[in-house]
Amino acid sequence: MSVYVISTAMLFGDDQSDVSVHLISDPSATHYWDGKRLLGIWFAQQEKYKSATFGPIACDTYFLYGPTARR
């Protein structure tokens, strides 16, 4: 099992140093910082995720994929 945690700068002044990686401390979790919001913008543009996003960027969202999901 793999867990990818992506933190994004959403508010003015958000910084990678503000992220608490201890909130999700599972050893299978890998943490990433998306300071440019690229992943949130990409998800919001995908038709299959439109119902899970609101506006031009996905935020406060999580996506779960089953064991057959591909990277």
N, C-alpha and C. Protein backbone atom coordinates (compact mmCIF):
# COMPACT_ATOMS: atom_id res chain seq x y z
N MET A 1 0.84 -1.17 0.00
CA MET A 1 0.00 0.00 0.00
C MET A 1 0.89 1.24 0.00
N SER A 2 0.47 2.23 -0.75
CA SER A 2 1.18 3.52 -0.80
C SER A 2 0.21 4.63 -0.46
N VAL A 3 0.70 5.60 0.27
CA VAL A 3 -0.09 6.78 0.62
C VAL A 3 0.71 7.99 0.21
N TYR A 4 0.11 8.85 -0.61
CA TYR A 4 0.75 10.08 -1.04
C TYR A 4 -0.02 11.25 -0.44
N VAL A 5 0.64 12.06 0.32
CA VAL A 5 0.03 13.22 0.96
C VAL A 5 0.61 14.47 0.29
N ILE A 6 -0.26 15.24 -0.34
CA ILE A 6 0.21 16.45 -1.03
C ILE A 6 -0.39 17.66 -0.33
N SER A 7 0.46 18.48 0.21
CA SER A 7 0.04 19.73 0.85
C SER A 7 0.22 20.86 -0.15
N THR A 8 -0.74 21.77 -0.15
CA THR A 8 -0.76 22.83 -1.15
C THR A 8 -0.85 24.20 -0.48
N ALA A 9 -0.18 25.16 -1.06
CA ALA A 9 -0.29 26.55 -0.59
C ALA A 9 -1.62 27.11 -1.08
N MET A 10 -2.56 27.29 -0.18
CA MET A 10 -3.87 27.80 -0.58
C MET A 10 -4.12 29.23 -0.12
N LEU A 11 -3.54 29.61 1.00
CA LEU A 11 -3.75 30.95 1.53
C LEU A 11 -2.46 31.75 1.42
N PHE A 12 -2.59 33.06 1.31
CA PHE A 12 -1.42 33.91 1.26
C PHE A 12 -0.56 33.64 2.49
N GLY A 13 0.70 33.41 2.27
CA GLY A 13 1.62 33.15 3.36
C GLY A 13 1.80 31.69 3.71
N ASP A 14 1.00 30.78 3.10
CA ASP A 14 1.20 29.35 3.35
C ASP A 14 2.60 28.97 2.91
N ASP A 15 3.25 28.16 3.70
CA ASP A 15 4.62 27.78 3.42
C ASP A 15 4.83 26.32 3.78
N GLN A 16 5.74 25.69 3.11
CA GLN A 16 6.02 24.28 3.35
C GLN A 16 6.41 24.02 4.81
N SER A 17 7.05 24.97 5.43
CA SER A 17 7.47 24.79 6.82
C SER A 17 6.28 24.75 7.79
N ASP A 18 5.09 25.17 7.32
CA ASP A 18 3.89 25.14 8.16
C ASP A 18 3.22 23.77 8.17
N VAL A 19 3.62 22.89 7.27
CA VAL A 19 2.98 21.58 7.14
C VAL A 19 3.44 20.67 8.26
N SER A 20 2.48 20.04 8.92
CA SER A 20 2.79 19.09 9.98
C SER A 20 2.67 17.67 9.43
N VAL A 21 3.80 17.09 9.07
CA VAL A 21 3.77 15.73 8.51
C VAL A 21 3.38 14.70 9.56
N HIS A 22 3.34 15.11 10.82
CA HIS A 22 2.97 14.19 11.89
C HIS A 22 1.47 13.91 11.94
N LEU A 23 0.67 14.71 11.23
CA LEU A 23 -0.77 14.47 11.21
C LEU A 23 -1.10 13.15 10.54
N ILE A 24 -0.32 12.80 9.53
CA ILE A 24 -0.45 11.49 8.87
C ILE A 24 0.92 10.84 8.98
N SER A 25 1.08 10.05 10.03
CA SER A 25 2.40 9.51 10.35
C SER A 25 2.57 8.05 9.92
N ASP A 26 1.66 7.55 9.12
CA ASP A 26 1.76 6.17 8.65
C ASP A 26 3.09 5.98 7.92
N PRO A 27 3.82 4.92 8.19
CA PRO A 27 5.11 4.72 7.53
C PRO A 27 5.01 4.56 6.01
N SER A 28 3.83 4.22 5.50
CA SER A 28 3.68 4.10 4.05
C SER A 28 3.37 5.44 3.39
N ALA A 29 3.24 6.51 4.18
CA ALA A 29 2.91 7.83 3.64
C ALA A 29 4.16 8.57 3.18
N THR A 30 4.09 9.11 1.97
CA THR A 30 5.12 9.97 1.43
C THR A 30 4.51 11.36 1.28
N HIS A 31 5.16 12.36 1.84
CA HIS A 31 4.63 13.72 1.84
C HIS A 31 5.28 14.56 0.74
N TYR A 32 4.45 15.36 0.07
CA TYR A 32 4.92 16.25 -0.98
C TYR A 32 4.37 17.65 -0.73
N TRP A 33 5.05 18.65 -1.26
CA TRP A 33 4.63 20.04 -1.19
C TRP A 33 4.36 20.54 -2.59
N ASP A 34 3.18 21.10 -2.82
CA ASP A 34 2.80 21.65 -4.12
C ASP A 34 2.57 23.15 -3.95
N GLY A 35 3.64 23.90 -3.89
CA GLY A 35 3.56 25.34 -3.68
C GLY A 35 2.90 26.10 -4.81
N LYS A 36 2.85 25.49 -5.99
CA LYS A 36 2.25 26.16 -7.15
C LYS A 36 0.82 25.69 -7.43
N ARG A 37 0.29 24.82 -6.58
CA ARG A 37 -1.09 24.32 -6.70
C ARG A 37 -1.33 23.51 -7.97
N LEU A 38 -0.31 22.99 -8.58
CA LEU A 38 -0.44 22.30 -9.86
C LEU A 38 -1.36 21.09 -9.80
N LEU A 39 -1.25 20.30 -8.74
CA LEU A 39 -2.08 19.10 -8.66
C LEU A 39 -3.55 19.47 -8.44
N GLY A 40 -3.82 20.46 -7.60
CA GLY A 40 -5.20 20.89 -7.37
C GLY A 40 -5.84 21.45 -8.62
N ILE A 41 -5.08 22.17 -9.41
CA ILE A 41 -5.58 22.70 -10.68
C ILE A 41 -5.85 21.56 -11.65
N TRP A 42 -4.93 20.60 -11.72
CA TRP A 42 -5.09 19.46 -12.63
C TRP A 42 -6.34 18.67 -12.28
N PHE A 43 -6.53 18.32 -10.99
CA PHE A 43 -7.71 17.56 -10.59
C PHE A 43 -8.99 18.30 -10.93
N ALA A 44 -9.03 19.60 -10.70
CA ALA A 44 -10.23 20.39 -10.98
C ALA A 44 -10.57 20.42 -12.47
N GLN A 45 -9.60 20.21 -13.32
CA GLN A 45 -9.83 20.23 -14.77
C GLN A 45 -10.25 18.88 -15.33
N GLN A 46 -10.15 17.82 -14.54
CA GLN A 46 -10.50 16.48 -15.02
C GLN A 46 -12.00 16.25 -14.90
N GLU A 47 -12.61 15.89 -15.98
CA GLU A 47 -14.06 15.70 -16.02
C GLU A 47 -14.54 14.70 -14.96
N LYS A 48 -13.81 13.63 -14.77
CA LYS A 48 -14.27 12.59 -13.83
C LYS A 48 -14.19 13.04 -12.37
N TYR A 49 -13.50 14.15 -12.08
CA TYR A 49 -13.41 14.65 -10.71
C TYR A 49 -14.23 15.92 -10.49
N LYS A 50 -14.96 16.37 -11.50
CA LYS A 50 -15.73 17.62 -11.39
C LYS A 50 -16.70 17.59 -10.21
N SER A 51 -17.30 16.44 -9.93
CA SER A 51 -18.27 16.38 -8.83
C SER A 51 -17.59 16.46 -7.46
N ALA A 52 -16.28 16.26 -7.40
CA ALA A 52 -15.56 16.30 -6.12
C ALA A 52 -14.83 17.62 -5.91
N THR A 53 -14.87 18.48 -6.89
CA THR A 53 -14.15 19.75 -6.79
C THR A 53 -15.12 20.91 -7.01
N PHE A 54 -14.76 22.05 -6.48
CA PHE A 54 -15.59 23.25 -6.63
C PHE A 54 -14.69 24.39 -7.06
N GLY A 55 -14.93 24.92 -8.22
CA GLY A 55 -14.12 26.02 -8.70
C GLY A 55 -12.88 25.56 -9.46
N PRO A 56 -11.93 26.45 -9.65
CA PRO A 56 -10.78 26.17 -10.52
C PRO A 56 -9.68 25.35 -9.87
N ILE A 57 -9.81 25.02 -8.58
CA ILE A 57 -8.76 24.26 -7.91
C ILE A 57 -9.38 23.34 -6.86
N ALA A 58 -8.90 22.11 -6.83
CA ALA A 58 -9.35 21.15 -5.82
C ALA A 58 -8.59 21.42 -4.53
N CYS A 59 -9.31 21.61 -3.44
CA CYS A 59 -8.67 21.79 -2.14
C CYS A 59 -9.51 21.11 -1.08
N ASP A 60 -8.90 20.82 0.05
CA ASP A 60 -9.58 20.10 1.12
C ASP A 60 -10.24 18.83 0.57
N THR A 61 -9.51 18.12 -0.22
CA THR A 61 -10.04 16.95 -0.91
C THR A 61 -9.15 15.75 -0.66
N TYR A 62 -9.71 14.59 -0.75
CA TYR A 62 -8.90 13.38 -0.74
C TYR A 62 -9.46 12.42 -1.77
N PHE A 63 -8.58 11.65 -2.34
CA PHE A 63 -8.94 10.67 -3.34
C PHE A 63 -8.40 9.33 -2.89
N LEU A 64 -9.24 8.31 -2.90
CA LEU A 64 -8.83 6.97 -2.53
C LEU A 64 -8.95 6.07 -3.74
N TYR A 65 -7.93 5.29 -3.97
CA TYR A 65 -7.92 4.38 -5.11
C TYR A 65 -7.71 2.96 -4.61
N GLY A 66 -8.36 2.01 -5.25
CA GLY A 66 -8.26 0.61 -4.87
C GLY A 66 -6.93 -0.03 -5.28
N PRO A 67 -6.78 -1.29 -4.94
CA PRO A 67 -5.49 -1.98 -5.18
C PRO A 67 -5.15 -2.15 -6.67
N THR A 68 -6.10 -1.98 -7.56
CA THR A 68 -5.81 -2.14 -8.98
C THR A 68 -5.45 -0.82 -9.66
N ALA A 69 -5.43 0.26 -8.90
CA ALA A 69 -5.08 1.58 -9.46
C ALA A 69 -3.64 1.58 -9.95
N ARG A 70 -3.40 2.31 -11.03
CA ARG A 70 -2.06 2.43 -11.58
C ARG A 70 -1.54 3.83 -11.35
N ARG A 71 -0.23 3.94 -11.24
CA ARG A 71 0.41 5.24 -11.06
C ARG A 71 0.52 5.94 -12.37
